[in-house]
């Protein structure tokens, strides 16, 4: 997987995928903040 945060499509719906499998605790906190911003900016 190239990006730890990305949208995928499933059954016609966009799903935000967050892959934390290779992140340490500090990176997880940064990614979770990025998810918060991404979700806030994403329109339905």
N, C-alpha and C. Protein backbone atom coordinates (compact mmCIF):
# COMPACT_ATOMS: atom_id res chain seq x y z
N UNK A 1 0.85 -1.17 0.00
CA UNK A 1 0.00 0.00 0.00
C UNK A 1 0.90 1.24 0.00
N UNK A 2 0.61 2.17 -0.89
CA UNK A 2 1.46 3.35 -1.03
C UNK A 2 1.23 4.38 0.06
N UNK A 3 -0.01 4.73 0.27
CA UNK A 3 -0.36 5.78 1.23
C UNK A 3 -1.05 5.17 2.44
N UNK A 4 -0.71 5.62 3.64
CA UNK A 4 -1.37 5.05 4.83
C UNK A 4 -2.82 5.52 4.98
N UNK A 5 -3.15 6.66 4.34
CA UNK A 5 -4.52 7.18 4.38
C UNK A 5 -4.98 7.38 2.95
N UNK A 6 -6.05 6.69 2.59
CA UNK A 6 -6.56 6.85 1.23
C UNK A 6 -8.02 6.41 1.18
N UNK A 7 -8.69 6.87 0.15
CA UNK A 7 -10.06 6.45 -0.08
C UNK A 7 -10.06 5.28 -1.04
N UNK A 8 -10.89 4.29 -0.74
CA UNK A 8 -11.13 3.18 -1.65
C UNK A 8 -12.63 3.16 -1.93
N UNK A 9 -13.01 2.48 -2.99
CA UNK A 9 -14.43 2.37 -3.30
C UNK A 9 -14.88 0.94 -3.04
N UNK A 10 -16.03 0.82 -2.39
CA UNK A 10 -16.61 -0.49 -2.08
C UNK A 10 -18.11 -0.41 -2.29
N UNK A 11 -18.60 -1.20 -3.21
CA UNK A 11 -20.04 -1.24 -3.52
C UNK A 11 -20.59 0.16 -3.78
N UNK A 12 -19.82 0.97 -4.53
CA UNK A 12 -20.26 2.29 -4.92
C UNK A 12 -20.10 3.37 -3.85
N UNK A 13 -19.52 3.02 -2.73
CA UNK A 13 -19.33 3.98 -1.63
C UNK A 13 -17.84 4.22 -1.43
N UNK A 14 -17.49 5.44 -1.06
CA UNK A 14 -16.11 5.74 -0.73
C UNK A 14 -15.86 5.42 0.73
N UNK A 15 -14.78 4.70 0.98
CA UNK A 15 -14.40 4.29 2.33
C UNK A 15 -13.00 4.85 2.60
N UNK A 16 -12.83 5.52 3.74
CA UNK A 16 -11.51 6.01 4.11
C UNK A 16 -10.74 4.88 4.77
N UNK A 17 -9.63 4.51 4.16
CA UNK A 17 -8.80 3.41 4.65
C UNK A 17 -7.58 3.99 5.37
N UNK A 18 -7.36 3.56 6.58
CA UNK A 18 -6.23 4.00 7.39
C UNK A 18 -5.40 2.77 7.75
N UNK A 19 -4.17 2.72 7.23
CA UNK A 19 -3.28 1.59 7.48
C UNK A 19 -2.21 2.02 8.48
N UNK A 20 -2.33 1.52 9.70
CA UNK A 20 -1.37 1.84 10.76
C UNK A 20 -0.42 0.67 11.03
N UNK A 21 -0.40 -0.29 10.15
CA UNK A 21 0.34 -1.53 10.41
C UNK A 21 1.85 -1.33 10.55
N UNK A 22 2.40 -0.30 9.94
CA UNK A 22 3.85 -0.08 10.03
C UNK A 22 4.20 1.21 10.76
N UNK A 23 3.24 1.77 11.47
CA UNK A 23 3.46 3.04 12.16
C UNK A 23 3.79 2.82 13.63
N UNK A 24 4.69 3.66 14.13
CA UNK A 24 4.95 3.62 15.57
C UNK A 24 3.93 4.53 16.26
N UNK A 25 3.98 4.63 17.57
CA UNK A 25 2.97 5.38 18.32
C UNK A 25 2.92 6.85 17.91
N UNK A 26 4.06 7.47 17.73
CA UNK A 26 4.10 8.88 17.35
C UNK A 26 3.51 9.07 15.95
N UNK A 27 3.87 8.20 15.02
CA UNK A 27 3.32 8.29 13.66
C UNK A 27 1.81 8.07 13.66
N UNK A 28 1.33 7.18 14.51
CA UNK A 28 -0.12 6.94 14.61
C UNK A 28 -0.85 8.20 15.01
N UNK A 29 -0.33 8.91 15.99
CA UNK A 29 -0.97 10.15 16.43
C UNK A 29 -1.01 11.18 15.30
N UNK A 30 0.07 11.28 14.54
CA UNK A 30 0.10 12.22 13.42
C UNK A 30 -0.89 11.81 12.33
N UNK A 31 -0.96 10.52 12.04
CA UNK A 31 -1.89 10.03 11.02
C UNK A 31 -3.33 10.22 11.45
N UNK A 32 -3.62 9.99 12.71
CA UNK A 32 -4.99 10.17 13.20
C UNK A 32 -5.41 11.63 13.08
N UNK A 33 -4.50 12.55 13.33
CA UNK A 33 -4.81 13.97 13.15
C UNK A 33 -5.06 14.25 11.67
N UNK A 34 -4.28 13.65 10.79
CA UNK A 34 -4.48 13.83 9.35
C UNK A 34 -5.84 13.27 8.93
N UNK A 35 -6.25 12.16 9.52
CA UNK A 35 -7.57 11.59 9.23
C UNK A 35 -8.66 12.56 9.67
N UNK A 36 -8.51 13.15 10.83
CA UNK A 36 -9.50 14.11 11.33
C UNK A 36 -9.68 15.26 10.34
N UNK A 37 -8.58 15.79 9.86
CA UNK A 37 -8.62 16.91 8.90
C UNK A 37 -9.24 16.44 7.58
N UNK A 38 -8.84 15.27 7.11
CA UNK A 38 -9.36 14.74 5.85
C UNK A 38 -10.86 14.54 5.92
N UNK A 39 -11.35 13.97 7.00
CA UNK A 39 -12.79 13.72 7.16
C UNK A 39 -13.55 15.05 7.23
N UNK A 40 -12.99 16.02 7.93
CA UNK A 40 -13.65 17.32 8.06
C UNK A 40 -13.76 18.02 6.70
N UNK A 41 -12.79 17.80 5.82
CA UNK A 41 -12.78 18.45 4.51
C UNK A 41 -13.57 17.70 3.46
N UNK A 42 -13.82 16.43 3.68
CA UNK A 42 -14.48 15.59 2.68
C UNK A 42 -15.97 15.84 2.68
N UNK A 43 -16.50 16.08 1.50
CA UNK A 43 -17.94 16.28 1.38
C UNK A 43 -18.58 14.99 0.91
N UNK A 44 -19.83 14.81 1.27
CA UNK A 44 -20.56 13.60 0.87
C UNK A 44 -21.00 13.67 -0.55
